[in-house]
Amino acid sequence: MALERIWCLASRTQDKTIGTFTDETVYGGANLLRNQEAHFIVIAKMDFNQQLTVIANIDNSDPLNELSYQFAVSADGAYRLIAFNPAFFSASVNYVVGNIVWQGSSASFYKAKAISGVATTPYTPSVTVGWENYWDLITDFSEELENPLVNMYIHDDIVTFNFEECLMTELEEINDDILCGICTNFQDLIKVNSMQLLLAGANSNNWQGKQEKSEVILVEATKKFCC
């Protein structure tokens, strides 16, 4: 059963300089287990022409297990994640120049530079004597973005970290203005209410006690709304 790939922009650091893409694909059950796929992740910033600037230092040290990848955020905008999913090497497959595989015994990726397989001689990368004539060790997939012979999944997302911060600041300022207006009107209203309470208290047998209690209520209520 083919996996339904699900990626999301999961989080950012407080200083808005690091983002995290998370793989939320459902593995297991009727699907492959996560460790039955080897992933190599490339993340790039896109400009308005969809030209990519690859971001360095993505941690690809755990291709069989990792589910989240941090990346440096240079600015708000469009970012692209390319998840490369090369097949596991098999001696029963005929490989042509450009094929990329995961070789489990050496825990590495290799790219074919000559035909290899059952139609000729199957050269297992890092194992069969002379394998170097057929395979190159590959540690950087940024040069493989246009390679049609490697499985990949593309996820695009819009980073709005700084915009969100600016919007939050603007909302806080608007909220402060609204509350200050409420506070001012409320304090003006208290003056009238205080006089009404004073007059009402004068007609009671416990005038002093009611006045003091009313004033405490008003003061405490004011603190909830006003600095």
C-alpha atoms as a PDB file:
ATOM      1  CA  MET A   1       0.000   0.000   0.000  1.00  0.00           C
ATOM      2  CA  ALA A   2       1.367   3.402  -0.997  1.00  0.00           C
ATOM      3  CA  LEU A   3       2.055   5.744   1.883  1.00  0.00           C
ATOM      4  CA  GLU A   4       0.096   8.965   2.135  1.00  0.00           C
ATOM      5  CA  ARG A   5       2.852  11.457   2.847  1.00  0.00           C
ATOM      6  CA  ILE A   6       1.978  14.015   5.506  1.00  0.00           C
ATOM      7  CA  TRP A   7       4.396  16.785   6.472  1.00  0.00           C
ATOM      8  CA  CYS A   8       3.737  19.921   8.471  1.00  0.00           C
ATOM      9  CA  LEU A   9       5.501  23.024   9.697  1.00  0.00           C
ATOM     10  CA  ALA A  10       5.407  22.096  13.353  1.00  0.00           C
ATOM     11  CA  SER A  11       7.144  24.763  15.406  1.00  0.00           C
ATOM     12  CA  ARG A  12       9.630  27.610  15.693  1.00  0.00           C
ATOM     13  CA  THR A  13      12.093  28.736  18.320  1.00  0.00           C
ATOM     14  CA  GLN A  14      11.276  31.738  20.470  1.00  0.00           C
ATOM     15  CA  ASP A  15      13.725  33.953  18.583  1.00  0.00           C
ATOM     16  CA  LYS A  16      12.101  32.969  15.235  1.00  0.00           C
ATOM     17  CA  THR A  17      15.382  31.771  13.688  1.00  0.00           C
ATOM     18  CA  ILE A  18      14.789  28.001  13.641  1.00  0.00           C
ATOM     19  CA  GLY A  19      11.772  26.149  12.216  1.00  0.00           C
ATOM     20  CA  THR A  20      10.865  22.459  12.340  1.00  0.00           C
ATOM     21  CA  PHE A  21       9.276  20.315   9.663  1.00  0.00           C
ATOM     22  CA  THR A  22       7.677  17.128  11.008  1.00  0.00           C
ATOM     23  CA  ASP A  23       6.850  13.907   9.181  1.00  0.00           C
ATOM     24  CA  GLU A  24       3.337  12.901  10.306  1.00  0.00           C
ATOM     25  CA  THR A  25       2.955  10.067   7.801  1.00  0.00           C
ATOM     26  CA  VAL A  26       1.303   6.990   9.306  1.00  0.00           C
ATOM     27  CA  TYR A  27       3.821   4.149   9.287  1.00  0.00           C
ATOM     28  CA  GLY A  28       3.107   0.543  10.194  1.00  0.00           C
ATOM     29  CA  GLY A  29      -0.044  -1.525   9.948  1.00  0.00           C
ATOM     30  CA  ALA A  30      -0.836  -1.898   6.261  1.00  0.00           C
ATOM     31  CA  ASN A  31       1.924   0.618   5.488  1.00  0.00           C
ATOM     32  CA  LEU A  32       5.672   0.281   5.555  1.00  0.00           C
ATOM     33  CA  LEU A  33       7.398   0.701   8.879  1.00  0.00           C
ATOM     34  CA  ARG A  34       9.432   3.880   9.232  1.00  0.00           C
ATOM     35  CA  ASN A  35      12.711   1.893   9.267  1.00  0.00           C
ATOM     36  CA  GLN A  36      11.789   0.262   5.956  1.00  0.00           C
ATOM     37  CA  GLU A  37      12.509   3.571   4.269  1.00  0.00           C
ATOM     38  CA  ALA A  38      15.701   5.601   4.248  1.00  0.00           C
ATOM     39  CA  HIS A  39      15.090   9.357   4.101  1.00  0.00           C
ATOM     40  CA  PHE A  40      17.409  12.172   3.132  1.00  0.00           C
ATOM     41  CA  ILE A  41      15.933  15.646   3.629  1.00  0.00           C
ATOM     42  CA  VAL A  42      16.797  18.812   1.716  1.00  0.00           C
ATOM     43  CA  ILE A  43      15.163  22.103   2.743  1.00  0.00           C
ATOM     44  CA  ALA A  44      15.393  25.273   0.648  1.00  0.00           C
ATOM     45  CA  LYS A  45      14.120  28.859   0.669  1.00  0.00           C
ATOM     46  CA  MET A  46      12.125  29.759  -2.460  1.00  0.00           C
ATOM     47  CA  ASP A  47      12.048  33.177  -4.075  1.00  0.00           C
ATOM     48  CA  PHE A  48       9.091  34.537  -6.076  1.00  0.00           C
ATOM     49  CA  ASN A  49      10.402  32.758  -9.198  1.00  0.00           C
ATOM     50  CA  GLN A  50      10.568  29.471  -7.246  1.00  0.00           C
ATOM     51  CA  GLN A  51      14.344  29.511  -7.417  1.00  0.00           C
ATOM     52  CA  LEU A  52      15.740  27.523  -4.503  1.00  0.00           C
ATOM     53  CA  THR A  53      18.479  28.423  -2.041  1.00  0.00           C
ATOM     54  CA  VAL A  54      19.391  25.242  -0.204  1.00  0.00           C
ATOM     55  CA  ILE A  55      19.733  25.561   3.580  1.00  0.00           C
ATOM     56  CA  ALA A  56      22.881  24.000   5.022  1.00  0.00           C
ATOM     57  CA  ASN A  57      23.317  21.781   8.084  1.00  0.00           C
ATOM     58  CA  ILE A  58      20.096  19.762   7.978  1.00  0.00           C
ATOM     59  CA  ASP A  59      20.646  16.780  10.272  1.00  0.00           C
ATOM     60  CA  ASN A  60      20.350  13.601   8.173  1.00  0.00           C
ATOM     61  CA  SER A  61      22.290  11.393  10.557  1.00  0.00           C
ATOM     62  CA  ASP A  62      19.410   8.967  11.231  1.00  0.00           C
ATOM     63  CA  PRO A  63      17.806   8.146   7.847  1.00  0.00           C
ATOM     64  CA  LEU A  64      15.811   5.142   9.110  1.00  0.00           C
ATOM     65  CA  ASN A  65      14.133   6.728  12.136  1.00  0.00           C
ATOM     66  CA  GLU A  66      14.097  10.538  12.131  1.00  0.00           C
ATOM     67  CA  LEU A  67      10.683  12.239  11.916  1.00  0.00           C
ATOM     68  CA  SER A  68      11.511  15.923  12.476  1.00  0.00           C
ATOM     69  CA  TYR A  69      14.039  18.247  10.881  1.00  0.00           C
ATOM     70  CA  GLN A  70      15.105  21.704  12.017  1.00  0.00           C
ATOM     71  CA  PHE A  71      16.148  24.393   9.559  1.00  0.00           C
ATOM     72  CA  ALA A  72      17.475  27.932   9.803  1.00  0.00           C
ATOM     73  CA  VAL A  73      14.956  30.640   8.908  1.00  0.00           C
ATOM     74  CA  SER A  74      16.585  33.521   7.052  1.00  0.00           C
ATOM     75  CA  ALA A  75      13.306  35.378   6.490  1.00  0.00           C
ATOM     76  CA  ASP A  76       9.575  34.829   6.267  1.00  0.00           C
ATOM     77  CA  GLY A  77       8.388  33.356   2.992  1.00  0.00           C
ATOM     78  CA  ALA A  78       8.052  30.106   1.063  1.00  0.00           C
ATOM     79  CA  TYR A  79      10.148  27.092   2.042  1.00  0.00           C
ATOM     80  CA  ARG A  80      10.363  23.724   0.286  1.00  0.00           C
ATOM     81  CA  LEU A  81      11.158  20.369   1.877  1.00  0.00           C
ATOM     82  CA  ILE A  82      12.303  17.593  -0.457  1.00  0.00           C
ATOM     83  CA  ALA A  83      12.173  14.141   1.130  1.00  0.00           C
ATOM     84  CA  PHE A  84      14.325  11.718  -0.853  1.00  0.00           C
ATOM     85  CA  ASN A  85      13.312   8.086  -0.358  1.00  0.00           C
ATOM     86  CA  PRO A  86      15.793   5.891  -2.289  1.00  0.00           C
ATOM     87  CA  ALA A  87      14.982   2.193  -2.471  1.00  0.00           C
ATOM     88  CA  PHE A  88      17.024  -0.311  -0.505  1.00  0.00           C
ATOM     89  CA  PHE A  89      19.716  -1.947  -2.632  1.00  0.00           C
ATOM     90  CA  SER A  90      18.772  -5.305  -4.135  1.00  0.00           C
ATOM     91  CA  ALA A  91      21.101  -7.605  -6.081  1.00  0.00           C
ATOM     92  CA  SER A  92      18.109  -8.672  -8.184  1.00  0.00           C
ATOM     93  CA  VAL A  93      17.516  -5.195  -9.640  1.00  0.00           C
ATOM     94  CA  ASN A  94      19.218  -3.797 -12.726  1.00  0.00           C
ATOM     95  CA  TYR A  95      20.572  -0.328 -11.926  1.00  0.00           C
ATOM     96  CA  VAL A  96      21.395   2.345 -14.500  1.00  0.00           C
ATOM     97  CA  VAL A  97      23.470   5.481 -14.233  1.00  0.00           C
ATOM     98  CA  GLY A  98      21.742   7.914 -11.873  1.00  0.00           C
ATOM     99  CA  ASN A  99      19.924   5.382  -9.691  1.00  0.00           C
ATOM    100  CA  ILE A 100      20.346   6.035  -5.956  1.00  0.00           C
ATOM    101  CA  VAL A 101      20.045   3.324  -3.311  1.00  0.00           C
ATOM    102  CA  TRP A 102      20.361   2.827   0.431  1.00  0.00           C
ATOM    103  CA  GLN A 103      22.848   0.132   1.375  1.00  0.00           C
ATOM    104  CA  GLY A 104      22.024  -1.189   4.830  1.00  0.00           C
ATOM    105  CA  SER A 105      25.282  -2.903   5.774  1.00  0.00           C
ATOM    106  CA  SER A 106      27.250   0.314   5.333  1.00  0.00           C
ATOM    107  CA  ALA A 107      24.310   2.566   6.340  1.00  0.00           C
ATOM    108  CA  SER A 108      24.968   4.857   3.383  1.00  0.00           C
ATOM    109  CA  PHE A 109      23.496   6.124   0.135  1.00  0.00           C
ATOM    110  CA  TYR A 110      25.107   5.328  -3.224  1.00  0.00           C
ATOM    111  CA  LYS A 111      24.577   6.609  -6.765  1.00  0.00           C
ATOM    112  CA  ALA A 112      25.138   4.357  -9.763  1.00  0.00           C
ATOM    113  CA  LYS A 113      27.737   5.538 -12.254  1.00  0.00           C
ATOM    114  CA  ALA A 114      27.659   2.377 -14.391  1.00  0.00           C
ATOM    115  CA  ILE A 115      25.108  -0.332 -15.198  1.00  0.00           C
ATOM    116  CA  SER A 116      24.975  -2.995 -12.502  1.00  0.00           C
ATOM    117  CA  GLY A 117      22.588  -5.866 -11.814  1.00  0.00           C
ATOM    118  CA  VAL A 118      21.452  -9.319 -12.810  1.00  0.00           C
ATOM    119  CA  ALA A 119      21.645  -8.426 -16.503  1.00  0.00           C
ATOM    120  CA  THR A 120      25.390  -7.893 -16.053  1.00  0.00           C
ATOM    121  CA  THR A 121      27.045  -8.421 -12.689  1.00  0.00           C
ATOM    122  CA  PRO A 122      25.388  -7.230  -9.473  1.00  0.00           C
ATOM    123  CA  TYR A 123      27.886  -5.067  -7.633  1.00  0.00           C
ATOM    124  CA  THR A 124      26.809  -4.420  -4.053  1.00  0.00           C
ATOM    125  CA  PRO A 125      27.997  -0.963  -2.934  1.00  0.00           C
ATOM    126  CA  SER A 126      30.754  -1.096  -0.302  1.00  0.00           C
ATOM    127  CA  VAL A 127      30.757  -4.923  -0.448  1.00  0.00           C
ATOM    128  CA  THR A 128      31.574  -6.446  -3.843  1.00  0.00           C
ATOM    129  CA  VAL A 129      35.202  -6.100  -4.844  1.00  0.00           C
ATOM    130  CA  GLY A 130      35.417  -3.384  -7.482  1.00  0.00           C
ATOM    131  CA  TRP A 131      32.162  -1.703  -6.425  1.00  0.00           C
ATOM    132  CA  GLU A 132      33.846   1.708  -6.676  1.00  0.00           C
ATOM    133  CA  ASN A 133      33.734   1.365 -10.459  1.00  0.00           C
ATOM    134  CA  TYR A 134      29.938   1.171 -10.351  1.00  0.00           C
ATOM    135  CA  TRP A 135      28.857   3.304  -7.416  1.00  0.00           C
ATOM    136  CA  ASP A 136      29.666   6.637  -5.776  1.00  0.00           C
ATOM    137  CA  LEU A 137      29.033   7.301  -2.113  1.00  0.00           C
ATOM    138  CA  ILE A 138      26.552  10.197  -1.887  1.00  0.00           C
ATOM    139  CA  THR A 139      26.236  12.410   1.182  1.00  0.00           C
ATOM    140  CA  ASP A 140      24.660  15.505  -0.394  1.00  0.00           C
ATOM    141  CA  PHE A 141      21.349  15.309  -2.252  1.00  0.00           C
ATOM    142  CA  SER A 142      21.172  19.022  -3.101  1.00  0.00           C
ATOM    143  CA  GLU A 143      22.560  18.157  -6.545  1.00  0.00           C
ATOM    144  CA  GLU A 144      19.795  15.582  -7.105  1.00  0.00           C
ATOM    145  CA  LEU A 145      16.794  17.925  -7.157  1.00  0.00           C
ATOM    146  CA  GLU A 146      16.260  17.282 -10.873  1.00  0.00           C
ATOM    147  CA  ASN A 147      17.141  13.582 -10.808  1.00  0.00           C
ATOM    148  CA  PRO A 148      14.090  11.673 -12.169  1.00  0.00           C
ATOM    149  CA  LEU A 149      15.552   8.319 -11.077  1.00  0.00           C
ATOM    150  CA  VAL A 150      15.286   8.882  -7.340  1.00  0.00           C
ATOM    151  CA  ASN A 151      12.055   8.752  -5.328  1.00  0.00           C
ATOM    152  CA  MET A 152      11.235  12.077  -3.711  1.00  0.00           C
ATOM    153  CA  TYR A 153       8.323  13.841  -2.061  1.00  0.00           C
ATOM    154  CA  ILE A 154       7.961  17.639  -2.100  1.00  0.00           C
ATOM    155  CA  HIS A 155       6.263  19.690   0.604  1.00  0.00           C
ATOM    156  CA  ASP A 156       5.913  23.476   0.325  1.00  0.00           C
ATOM    157  CA  ASP A 157       4.994  25.695   3.245  1.00  0.00           C
ATOM    158  CA  ILE A 158       4.794  29.391   4.096  1.00  0.00           C
ATOM    159  CA  VAL A 159       6.818  30.580   7.067  1.00  0.00           C
ATOM    160  CA  THR A 160       5.196  33.573   8.779  1.00  0.00           C
ATOM    161  CA  PHE A 161       7.143  33.627  12.033  1.00  0.00           C
ATOM    162  CA  ASN A 162       7.998  37.328  12.029  1.00  0.00           C
ATOM    163  CA  PHE A 163       4.631  38.309  10.565  1.00  0.00           C
ATOM    164  CA  GLU A 164       2.873  36.420  13.356  1.00  0.00           C
ATOM    165  CA  GLU A 165       4.996  38.276  15.910  1.00  0.00           C
ATOM    166  CA  CYS A 166       4.175  41.642  14.346  1.00  0.00           C
ATOM    167  CA  LEU A 167       0.493  40.747  14.186  1.00  0.00           C
ATOM    168  CA  MET A 168       0.499  39.695  17.824  1.00  0.00           C
ATOM    169  CA  THR A 169       2.148  42.966  18.839  1.00  0.00           C
ATOM    170  CA  GLU A 170      -0.441  44.914  16.851  1.00  0.00           C
ATOM    171  CA  LEU A 171      -3.286  42.966  18.458  1.00  0.00           C
ATOM    172  CA  GLU A 172      -1.821  43.569  21.902  1.00  0.00           C
ATOM    173  CA  GLU A 173      -1.647  47.302  21.219  1.00  0.00           C
ATOM    174  CA  ILE A 174      -5.242  47.354  19.980  1.00  0.00           C
ATOM    175  CA  ASN A 175      -6.317  45.323  22.988  1.00  0.00           C
ATOM    176  CA  ASP A 176      -4.504  47.732  25.316  1.00  0.00           C
ATOM    177  CA  ASP A 177      -6.257  50.693  23.685  1.00  0.00           C
ATOM    178  CA  ILE A 178      -9.642  49.030  24.079  1.00  0.00           C
ATOM    179  CA  LEU A 179      -9.038  48.115  27.722  1.00  0.00           C
ATOM    180  CA  CYS A 180      -7.688  51.553  28.525  1.00  0.00           C
ATOM    181  CA  GLY A 181     -10.854  53.060  27.041  1.00  0.00           C
ATOM    182  CA  ILE A 182     -12.972  50.713  29.111  1.00  0.00           C
ATOM    183  CA  CYS A 183     -10.911  51.545  32.184  1.00  0.00           C
ATOM    184  CA  THR A 184     -11.308  55.293  31.709  1.00  0.00           C
ATOM    185  CA  ASN A 185     -15.057  55.018  31.194  1.00  0.00           C
ATOM    186  CA  PHE A 186     -15.323  52.638  34.116  1.00  0.00           C
ATOM    187  CA  GLN A 187     -13.478  55.008  36.436  1.00  0.00           C
ATOM    188  CA  ASP A 188     -15.753  57.863  35.345  1.00  0.00           C
ATOM    189  CA  LEU A 189     -18.735  55.639  36.058  1.00  0.00           C
ATOM    190  CA  ILE A 190     -17.359  54.786  39.505  1.00  0.00           C
ATOM    191  CA  LYS A 191     -17.502  58.460  40.508  1.00  0.00           C
ATOM    192  CA  VAL A 192     -21.227  58.506  39.806  1.00  0.00           C
ATOM    193  CA  ASN A 193     -21.778  55.126  41.449  1.00  0.00           C
ATOM    194  CA  SER A 194     -19.800  56.197  44.502  1.00  0.00           C
ATOM    195  CA  MET A 195     -22.086  59.182  44.969  1.00  0.00           C
ATOM    196  CA  GLN A 196     -25.174  56.994  44.527  1.00  0.00           C
ATOM    197  CA  LEU A 197     -23.853  54.502  47.055  1.00  0.00           C
ATOM    198  CA  LEU A 198     -23.021  57.288  49.451  1.00  0.00           C
ATOM    199  CA  LEU A 199     -26.556  58.645  49.238  1.00  0.00           C
ATOM    200  CA  ALA A 200     -28.071  55.177  49.544  1.00  0.00           C
ATOM    201  CA  GLY A 201     -25.882  54.421  52.532  1.00  0.00           C
ATOM    202  CA  ALA A 202     -26.971  57.617  54.267  1.00  0.00           C
ATOM    203  CA  ASN A 203     -30.484  56.270  54.456  1.00  0.00           C
ATOM    204  CA  SER A 204     -29.441  53.006  56.111  1.00  0.00           C
ATOM    205  CA  ASN A 205     -28.929  52.152  59.740  1.00  0.00           C
ATOM    206  CA  ASN A 206     -25.379  50.983  58.999  1.00  0.00           C
ATOM    207  CA  TRP A 207     -24.309  53.862  56.764  1.00  0.00           C
ATOM    208  CA  GLN A 208     -20.567  53.699  57.523  1.00  0.00           C
ATOM    209  CA  GLY A 209     -20.257  49.938  57.037  1.00  0.00           C
ATOM    210  CA  LYS A 210     -22.130  49.911  53.730  1.00  0.00           C
ATOM    211  CA  GLN A 211     -20.114  52.817  52.373  1.00  0.00           C
ATOM    212  CA  GLU A 212     -16.780  51.184  53.207  1.00  0.00           C
ATOM    213  CA  LYS A 213     -17.868  47.835  51.772  1.00  0.00           C
ATOM    214  CA  SER A 214     -19.048  49.499  48.565  1.00  0.00           C
ATOM    215  CA  GLU A 215     -15.785  51.341  48.161  1.00  0.00           C
ATOM    216  CA  VAL A 216     -13.791  48.094  48.597  1.00  0.00           C
ATOM    217  CA  ILE A 217     -15.881  46.375  45.941  1.00  0.00           C
ATOM    218  CA  LEU A 218     -15.320  49.237  43.506  1.00  0.00           C
ATOM    219  CA  VAL A 219     -11.582  49.383  44.131  1.00  0.00           C
ATOM    220  CA  GLU A 220     -11.127  45.622  43.671  1.00  0.00           C
ATOM    221  CA  ALA A 221     -13.257  45.638  40.527  1.00  0.00           C
ATOM    222  CA  THR A 222     -11.177  48.470  39.106  1.00  0.00           C
ATOM    223  CA  LYS A 223      -7.930  46.526  39.628  1.00  0.00           C
ATOM    224  CA  LYS A 224      -9.226  43.739  37.394  1.00  0.00           C
ATOM    225  CA  PHE A 225      -9.555  46.078  34.449  1.00  0.00           C
ATOM    226  CA  CYS A 226      -7.017  48.822  35.018  1.00  0.00           C
ATOM    227  CA  CYS A 227      -3.308  48.914  35.645  1.00  0.00           C
END
